[in-house]
Amino acid sequence: MTSNTFLRAFQHNPFMRWQLPISYLARETAPSWLGRHFLLAWHLVLLAVSFYPFSGWRYTGEGVFAFYSYPLPYYQSAFDNWINVAAYMPLGYAWALYYRCRWFAPLLAMLFGCLLSGSVEFVQQFIPSRIASNLDILCNTAGCLLGALAAGLFSKLLILRGWHIRRQRWFRVGALADYGLMLLALWFATQMNPAIPLFGVVVQPRGLPQPWISPIHDAALFLGLLEISGVMLHFTAVCLFLLTLLAQRRDRMTALWGLVLAAVTLKLVTAGALLKPSAFLEWFNLQVLAGILAALILLNILSRLKMRWQALAAAACLFATQVIEELWPLNAGPLDLLELFKWHYGHLRDFNGLSEMISAVWPYAATVYLLGLAWQNWRRSHMPTIIGKR
């Protein structure tokens, strides 16, 4: 069902029309591409996590199709089973939305999830740190089915319509805006690792000191300035990214505070679930605080610019964060931070792989959106408006 259908339904319903602001009713609606963007992105996320760390490929000499017929349960862990179900639920949800929650959507979602999981398990038998399991295929398929059924239930309960109305109220419409919203949702995945500082792009390693030559006499000051600059630029870029998605400029303060509150809440939840009590505030330090305060001063200036200049400023900040990451002289591997976590290495490997892969790709994907938005905004401001007679 398209957004125009939703709009007509609510406009002709006198009991629910009061929920729609006048600015929303007056705006031109367009079919949403958000579900399709998310469907593609979640496929890529699952593939990246399943094949991480992309090294050490080998062939064991066993039959490549043998594991499909292993007796159940060949290899199992209650935690792994639940994770396999939960990881594929968003995929089933997205497939159901793609087919507009029709009666056959759960069946197709289950089929596509089974094919994807079967292919992933086939490839995983060539990765030394992975175990190809037919039980994982069953759990992944069940997750797809549950996600598709949840999408149908939410459609019946009008939860999807409520989300659509709020999306139209707060954010711009169009395929480019939908792409930006999908990237904003993926950005929160980069903040899920509680060992990484809030809005940070560099991490202080633990263990033995690493030899390097500081460009200034005070090495600690140099590292502190790099960390502060990284937090400042990253925070500024994400906030400007959010501002370019808003439909109304008057909502910018509410949206920015909501972004900060959501990011801090995510860090608190993941730190409580994953980190040892002694490392609960590992994601926050004085450099993070200084970087956020400096970013607030910068945002006070940049938030007053036109949209295309905000987009270009955000892209420049993202480019600068990549430069800082390259200048950072210390390397922190997964084993360096292992002592902070309550999880064992196998689960931590998958979790860190997810955040690391998205963190590596996100600045480039976001830059594509920002440059596309700046170009689109520039064209609209320089092309004459042609009003045709009907």
Protein backbone atom coordinates (compact mmCIF):
# COMPACT_ATOMS: atom_id res chain seq x y z
CA MET A 1 0.00 0.00 0.00
CA THR A 2 1.50 3.34 -1.02
CA SER A 3 1.70 6.50 1.03
CA ASN A 4 -0.99 8.13 -1.16
CA THR A 5 -3.41 5.38 -0.14
CA PHE A 6 -2.59 5.99 3.52
CA LEU A 7 -3.10 9.72 3.09
CA ARG A 8 -6.51 9.32 1.42
CA ALA A 9 -7.62 6.89 4.13
CA PHE A 10 -6.75 9.26 6.94
CA GLN A 11 -8.04 12.36 5.20
CA HIS A 12 -11.49 10.81 4.87
CA ASN A 13 -11.57 9.46 8.43
CA PRO A 14 -12.98 12.20 10.70
CA PHE A 15 -11.94 10.37 13.86
CA MET A 16 -8.26 10.11 12.95
CA ARG A 17 -7.64 13.18 10.82
CA TRP A 18 -6.79 15.22 13.90
CA GLN A 19 -3.62 13.14 14.24
CA LEU A 20 -2.23 14.54 10.98
CA PRO A 21 -0.72 18.03 11.14
CA ILE A 22 -1.69 20.50 8.43
CA SER A 23 1.90 20.58 7.16
CA TYR A 24 1.73 16.82 6.58
CA LEU A 25 -1.60 17.01 4.73
CA ALA A 26 -0.25 19.73 2.50
CA ARG A 27 2.95 17.91 1.60
CA GLU A 28 3.16 15.84 -1.53
CA THR A 29 3.62 12.18 -0.65
CA ALA A 30 5.55 9.58 -2.60
CA PRO A 31 5.94 5.80 -2.42
CA SER A 32 8.47 4.84 0.24
CA TRP A 33 11.70 3.07 -0.70
CA LEU A 34 12.76 2.67 2.91
CA GLY A 35 11.76 -1.00 3.07
CA ARG A 36 13.69 -1.87 -0.09
CA HIS A 37 16.78 -0.03 1.12
CA PHE A 38 16.61 -1.85 4.44
CA LEU A 39 16.06 -5.22 2.73
CA LEU A 40 19.21 -4.83 0.67
CA ALA A 41 21.22 -3.45 3.61
CA TRP A 42 20.24 -6.32 5.92
CA HIS A 43 21.28 -8.88 3.32
CA LEU A 44 24.70 -7.22 3.20
CA VAL A 45 24.90 -7.08 7.00
CA LEU A 46 24.15 -10.80 7.34
CA LEU A 47 26.70 -11.70 4.68
CA ALA A 48 29.38 -9.50 6.26
CA VAL A 49 28.85 -10.93 9.74
CA SER A 50 28.65 -14.52 8.48
CA PHE A 51 31.91 -14.36 6.51
CA TYR A 52 33.91 -12.23 8.99
CA PRO A 53 36.96 -12.07 9.25
CA PHE A 54 37.28 -12.93 5.49
CA SER A 55 40.60 -14.72 5.92
CA GLY A 56 42.08 -18.19 6.43
CA TRP A 57 39.94 -19.95 3.84
CA ARG A 58 40.62 -23.71 3.56
CA TYR A 59 39.13 -26.99 2.35
CA THR A 60 38.88 -29.80 4.92
CA GLY A 61 38.56 -32.60 2.37
CA GLU A 62 35.10 -33.66 3.59
CA GLY A 63 32.05 -33.77 1.37
CA VAL A 64 30.86 -30.20 0.83
CA PHE A 65 27.19 -31.21 1.06
CA ALA A 66 27.59 -33.63 3.96
CA PHE A 67 26.62 -31.23 6.74
CA TYR A 68 23.12 -30.77 5.26
CA SER A 69 22.24 -34.34 6.31
CA TYR A 70 23.99 -34.47 9.70
CA PRO A 71 21.72 -35.81 12.49
CA LEU A 72 20.26 -33.11 14.70
CA PRO A 73 21.50 -31.66 16.94
CA TYR A 74 24.99 -31.98 15.43
CA TYR A 75 26.31 -28.83 17.08
CA GLN A 76 24.20 -26.50 19.16
CA SER A 77 24.22 -23.77 21.76
CA ALA A 78 21.06 -22.23 23.19
CA PHE A 79 22.53 -18.75 22.84
CA ASP A 80 23.56 -19.36 19.24
CA ASN A 81 20.13 -20.72 18.38
CA TRP A 82 18.36 -17.64 19.71
CA ILE A 83 20.83 -15.33 17.97
CA ASN A 84 20.29 -17.15 14.67
CA VAL A 85 16.54 -16.74 15.02
CA ALA A 86 16.78 -13.06 16.00
CA ALA A 87 19.27 -12.16 13.23
CA TYR A 88 16.92 -13.32 10.47
CA MET A 89 13.71 -11.85 11.89
CA PRO A 90 14.40 -8.38 10.36
CA LEU A 91 15.01 -10.09 7.02
CA GLY A 92 11.63 -11.82 7.12
CA TYR A 93 10.02 -8.58 8.24
CA ALA A 94 11.53 -6.69 5.31
CA TRP A 95 10.54 -9.38 2.78
CA ALA A 96 6.95 -9.31 4.08
CA LEU A 97 6.82 -5.52 3.68
CA TYR A 98 8.25 -5.87 0.17
CA TYR A 99 5.25 -8.03 -0.75
CA ARG A 100 2.88 -5.71 1.17
CA CYS A 101 2.07 -8.31 3.82
CA ARG A 102 -0.06 -10.42 1.48
CA TRP A 103 -1.04 -13.96 2.44
CA PHE A 104 1.89 -15.55 0.60
CA ALA A 105 4.51 -13.14 2.02
CA PRO A 106 5.47 -15.38 5.01
CA LEU A 107 5.96 -18.36 2.69
CA LEU A 108 8.23 -16.42 0.34
CA ALA A 109 10.13 -14.86 3.25
CA MET A 110 10.72 -18.32 4.72
CA LEU A 111 11.86 -19.65 1.32
CA PHE A 112 14.27 -16.77 0.68
CA GLY A 113 15.63 -16.97 4.22
CA CYS A 114 16.23 -20.72 3.85
CA LEU A 115 18.06 -20.23 0.55
CA LEU A 116 20.24 -17.44 1.96
CA SER A 117 21.05 -19.36 5.14
CA GLY A 118 21.80 -22.57 3.23
CA SER A 119 24.18 -20.68 0.95
CA VAL A 120 25.88 -18.96 3.90
CA GLU A 121 26.39 -22.24 5.77
CA PHE A 122 27.83 -23.81 2.62
CA VAL A 123 30.46 -21.07 2.40
CA GLN A 124 31.18 -21.10 6.16
CA GLN A 125 32.59 -24.64 6.00
CA PHE A 126 35.62 -23.13 4.24
CA ILE A 127 36.26 -20.61 7.07
CA PRO A 128 38.35 -22.07 9.94
CA SER A 129 36.60 -20.14 12.71
CA ARG A 130 33.12 -21.18 11.52
CA ILE A 131 31.06 -24.36 11.78
CA ALA A 132 28.59 -25.24 9.03
CA SER A 133 25.39 -26.38 10.75
CA ASN A 134 22.07 -27.57 9.40
CA LEU A 135 20.49 -26.52 12.71
CA ASP A 136 21.51 -22.92 11.96
CA ILE A 137 19.58 -23.14 8.68
CA LEU A 138 16.45 -24.23 10.55
CA CYS A 139 16.84 -21.43 13.13
CA ASN A 140 17.43 -18.81 10.43
CA THR A 141 14.40 -20.00 8.48
CA ALA A 142 12.26 -19.89 11.62
CA GLY A 143 13.48 -16.34 12.25
CA CYS A 144 12.41 -15.28 8.75
CA LEU A 145 8.97 -16.80 9.26
CA LEU A 146 8.51 -15.10 12.65
CA GLY A 147 9.62 -11.75 11.21
CA ALA A 148 7.17 -12.03 8.32
CA LEU A 149 4.32 -12.97 10.67
CA ALA A 150 5.19 -9.99 12.90
CA ALA A 151 5.00 -7.68 9.88
CA GLY A 152 1.53 -9.01 9.05
CA LEU A 153 0.42 -8.57 12.67
CA PHE A 154 1.71 -4.99 12.81
CA SER A 155 -0.10 -4.26 9.55
CA LYS A 156 -3.39 -5.50 11.02
CA LEU A 157 -2.87 -3.50 14.23
CA LEU A 158 -2.18 -0.31 12.19
CA ILE A 159 1.30 -0.04 13.72
CA LEU A 160 2.80 0.35 10.23
CA ARG A 161 0.36 3.16 9.47
CA GLY A 162 1.33 4.92 12.68
CA TRP A 163 5.01 4.65 11.75
CA HIS A 164 4.23 5.98 8.27
CA ILE A 165 2.45 9.03 9.69
CA ARG A 166 5.32 9.83 12.05
CA ARG A 167 7.83 9.32 9.27
CA GLN A 168 5.94 11.81 7.09
CA ARG A 169 5.60 14.23 9.98
CA TRP A 170 9.29 14.33 10.92
CA PHE A 171 11.29 13.50 7.80
CA ARG A 172 11.47 14.45 4.15
CA VAL A 173 9.94 12.18 1.52
CA GLY A 174 11.54 10.65 -1.53
CA ALA A 175 13.91 7.83 -2.38
CA LEU A 176 17.01 9.81 -1.37
CA ALA A 177 15.53 10.62 2.05
CA ASP A 178 14.61 6.95 2.51
CA TYR A 179 18.21 6.03 1.76
CA GLY A 180 19.36 8.54 4.36
CA LEU A 181 16.96 7.16 7.00
CA MET A 182 18.27 3.65 6.38
CA LEU A 183 21.84 4.92 6.85
CA LEU A 184 20.84 6.71 10.06
CA ALA A 185 19.44 3.45 11.43
CA LEU A 186 22.65 1.63 10.48
CA TRP A 187 24.71 4.32 12.21
CA PHE A 188 23.30 3.21 15.55
CA ALA A 189 24.78 -0.22 14.85
CA THR A 190 28.23 1.43 14.82
CA GLN A 191 27.59 2.58 18.39
CA MET A 192 26.59 -0.86 19.68
CA ASN A 193 30.14 -1.77 20.73
CA PRO A 194 30.44 -0.36 24.29
CA ALA A 195 34.25 -0.61 24.21
CA ILE A 196 34.36 2.11 21.54
CA PRO A 197 34.00 5.68 22.88
CA LEU A 198 30.70 7.47 22.32
CA PHE A 199 30.85 9.19 18.90
CA GLY A 200 34.50 8.11 18.76
CA VAL A 201 36.51 7.03 15.74
CA VAL A 202 39.67 5.86 17.55
CA VAL A 203 40.24 3.46 20.45
CA GLN A 204 42.98 3.42 23.07
CA PRO A 205 44.51 -0.09 23.07
CA ARG A 206 45.33 -1.95 26.25
CA GLY A 207 48.32 -4.07 27.14
CA LEU A 208 51.94 -3.36 26.25
CA PRO A 209 52.85 0.12 24.91
CA GLN A 210 53.18 0.36 21.15
CA PRO A 211 56.30 2.14 19.82
CA TRP A 212 55.68 5.20 17.68
CA ILE A 213 57.14 8.66 17.17
CA SER A 214 54.98 11.58 18.29
CA PRO A 215 55.07 14.70 16.07
CA ILE A 216 55.08 16.88 19.22
CA HIS A 217 57.00 16.59 22.47
CA ASP A 218 53.96 15.69 24.59
CA ALA A 219 52.73 12.37 23.14
CA ALA A 220 49.74 12.15 25.49
CA LEU A 221 48.57 15.61 24.38
CA PHE A 222 48.83 14.59 20.72
CA LEU A 223 46.71 11.47 21.28
CA GLY A 224 44.20 13.46 23.34
CA LEU A 225 43.80 16.11 20.64
CA LEU A 226 43.28 13.44 17.97
CA GLU A 227 40.61 11.72 20.06
CA ILE A 228 38.84 15.00 20.84
CA SER A 229 38.93 16.02 17.17
CA GLY A 230 37.54 12.66 16.11
CA VAL A 231 34.61 12.88 18.52
CA MET A 232 33.92 16.51 17.56
CA LEU A 233 33.91 15.85 13.82
CA HIS A 234 31.96 12.60 14.05
CA PHE A 235 29.32 14.12 16.32
CA THR A 236 29.01 17.16 14.05
CA ALA A 237 28.73 15.03 10.92
CA VAL A 238 25.99 12.78 12.34
CA CYS A 239 24.00 15.73 13.68
CA LEU A 240 24.17 17.55 10.35
CA PHE A 241 23.24 14.30 8.63
CA LEU A 242 20.10 14.16 10.79
CA LEU A 243 19.26 17.82 10.11
CA THR A 244 19.27 17.20 6.34
CA LEU A 245 16.58 14.54 6.83
CA LEU A 246 14.12 16.71 8.78
CA ALA A 247 11.00 18.02 7.09
CA GLN A 248 10.76 21.10 9.31
CA ARG A 249 13.65 23.20 10.62
CA ARG A 250 11.74 23.93 13.82
CA ASP A 251 12.17 20.30 14.87
CA ARG A 252 15.97 20.36 14.79
CA MET A 253 16.58 20.79 18.55
CA THR A 254 14.14 18.02 19.44
CA ALA A 255 15.71 15.72 16.85
CA LEU A 256 19.28 16.44 17.98
CA TRP A 257 18.50 15.83 21.65
CA GLY A 258 16.66 12.67 20.64
CA LEU A 259 19.73 11.47 18.72
CA VAL A 260 22.05 12.06 21.69
CA LEU A 261 19.64 10.43 24.13
CA ALA A 262 19.20 7.39 21.88
CA ALA A 263 22.98 6.99 21.42
CA VAL A 264 23.69 7.28 25.16
CA THR A 265 20.86 4.86 25.98
CA LEU A 266 22.24 2.36 23.47
CA LYS A 267 25.70 2.59 25.04
CA LEU A 268 24.28 2.13 28.54
CA VAL A 269 22.23 -0.91 27.54
CA THR A 270 25.03 -2.62 25.62
CA ALA A 271 27.58 -1.81 28.33
CA GLY A 272 25.34 -3.33 30.98
CA ALA A 273 24.76 -6.43 28.86
CA LEU A 274 28.28 -6.98 27.51
CA LEU A 275 30.91 -5.33 29.69
CA LYS A 276 32.20 -6.32 33.09
CA PRO A 277 31.02 -4.03 35.94
CA SER A 278 34.51 -2.55 36.30
CA ALA A 279 34.45 -1.43 32.64
CA PHE A 280 30.87 -0.11 32.55
CA LEU A 281 31.91 3.45 31.56
CA GLU A 282 34.66 2.45 29.16
CA TRP A 283 32.79 4.27 26.37
CA PHE A 284 32.95 7.68 28.08
CA ASN A 285 35.93 9.82 29.10
CA LEU A 286 37.04 13.44 29.29
CA GLN A 287 38.08 13.46 25.63
CA VAL A 288 34.56 12.42 24.62
CA LEU A 289 33.05 15.19 26.75
CA ALA A 290 35.42 17.80 25.34
CA GLY A 291 34.72 16.66 21.78
CA ILE A 292 30.93 16.87 22.25
CA LEU A 293 31.16 20.36 23.80
CA ALA A 294 33.34 21.55 20.91
CA ALA A 295 30.89 20.03 18.44
CA LEU A 296 27.96 21.88 20.03
CA ILE A 297 29.75 25.18 19.39
CA LEU A 298 30.41 24.18 15.79
CA LEU A 299 26.82 23.02 15.30
CA ASN A 300 25.50 26.35 16.53
CA ILE A 301 27.03 27.87 13.40
CA LEU A 302 26.57 25.10 10.84
CA SER A 303 22.93 24.40 11.71
CA ARG A 304 21.97 27.86 10.42
CA LEU A 305 23.22 27.13 6.91
CA LYS A 306 21.08 26.05 3.99
CA MET A 307 20.53 22.36 3.46
CA ARG A 308 23.07 21.88 0.69
CA TRP A 309 25.79 23.60 2.72
CA GLN A 310 24.92 21.46 5.75
CA ALA A 311 25.27 18.37 3.57
CA LEU A 312 28.65 19.50 2.23
CA ALA A 313 29.84 20.39 5.75
CA ALA A 314 28.80 16.93 7.00
CA ALA A 315 30.65 15.27 4.13
CA ALA A 316 33.76 17.33 4.93
CA CYS A 317 33.55 16.28 8.60
CA LEU A 318 33.27 12.62 7.61
CA PHE A 319 36.32 12.97 5.37
CA ALA A 320 38.22 14.56 8.26
CA THR A 321 37.32 11.68 10.58
CA GLN A 322 38.83 9.27 8.06
CA VAL A 323 42.02 11.34 8.07
CA ILE A 324 42.15 11.23 11.88
CA GLU A 325 41.66 7.48 11.82
CA GLU A 326 44.61 7.18 9.45
CA LEU A 327 46.75 9.43 11.65
CA TRP A 328 45.96 7.45 14.80
CA PRO A 329 49.23 5.60 15.54
CA LEU A 330 47.92 2.87 17.87
CA ASN A 331 46.15 -0.31 16.83
CA ALA A 332 43.55 -2.02 19.02
CA GLY A 333 42.60 -5.54 18.00
CA PRO A 334 39.67 -7.65 19.27
CA LEU A 335 41.92 -9.53 21.71
CA ASP A 336 43.13 -6.25 23.26
CA LEU A 337 39.59 -5.41 24.40
CA LEU A 338 38.53 -8.96 25.24
CA GLU A 339 39.19 -8.51 28.96
CA LEU A 340 36.47 -5.83 29.12
CA PHE A 341 33.67 -8.17 28.02
CA LYS A 342 31.65 -10.82 29.76
CA TRP A 343 31.10 -12.74 26.50
CA HIS A 344 33.54 -15.33 25.20
CA TYR A 345 35.53 -14.71 22.04
CA GLY A 346 33.27 -16.54 19.58
CA HIS A 347 30.22 -14.37 20.29
CA LEU A 348 32.37 -11.28 20.68
CA ARG A 349 33.93 -11.92 17.24
CA ASP A 350 30.53 -11.81 15.52
CA PHE A 351 29.40 -8.77 17.50
CA ASN A 352 32.57 -6.80 16.84
CA GLY A 353 32.55 -7.92 13.22
CA LEU A 354 29.11 -6.38 12.75
CA SER A 355 30.06 -3.01 14.25
CA GLU A 356 33.46 -2.91 12.54
CA MET A 357 32.11 -3.68 9.07
CA ILE A 358 29.34 -1.09 9.30
CA SER A 359 31.74 1.47 10.79
CA ALA A 360 34.13 0.97 7.89
CA VAL A 361 31.49 1.32 5.18
CA TRP A 362 29.17 3.88 6.75
CA PRO A 363 31.23 7.09 6.12
CA TYR A 364 31.45 6.34 2.39
CA ALA A 365 27.77 5.41 2.06
CA ALA A 366 26.79 8.53 4.01
CA THR A 367 29.02 10.71 1.82
CA VAL A 368 27.20 9.41 -1.27
CA TYR A 369 23.89 10.48 0.28
CA LEU A 370 25.21 13.91 1.36
CA LEU A 371 26.74 14.73 -2.01
CA GLY A 372 23.61 13.51 -3.79
CA LEU A 373 21.45 15.70 -1.55
CA ALA A 374 23.66 18.75 -2.15
CA TRP A 375 23.49 18.19 -5.91
CA GLN A 376 19.72 17.67 -5.82
CA ASN A 377 19.20 20.79 -3.71
CA TRP A 378 21.46 22.86 -5.99
CA ARG A 379 19.58 21.75 -9.12
CA ARG A 380 16.21 22.59 -7.60
CA SER A 381 17.37 26.05 -6.59
CA HIS A 382 18.78 26.85 -10.05
CA MET A 383 16.14 25.30 -12.30
CA PRO A 384 13.09 27.42 -13.14
CA THR A 385 9.77 26.07 -11.92
CA ILE A 386 7.40 25.29 -14.76
CA ILE A 387 3.73 25.29 -13.89
CA GLY A 388 1.60 23.64 -16.52
CA LYS A 389 -2.08 24.19 -16.99
CA ARG A 390 -4.38 21.26 -16.40
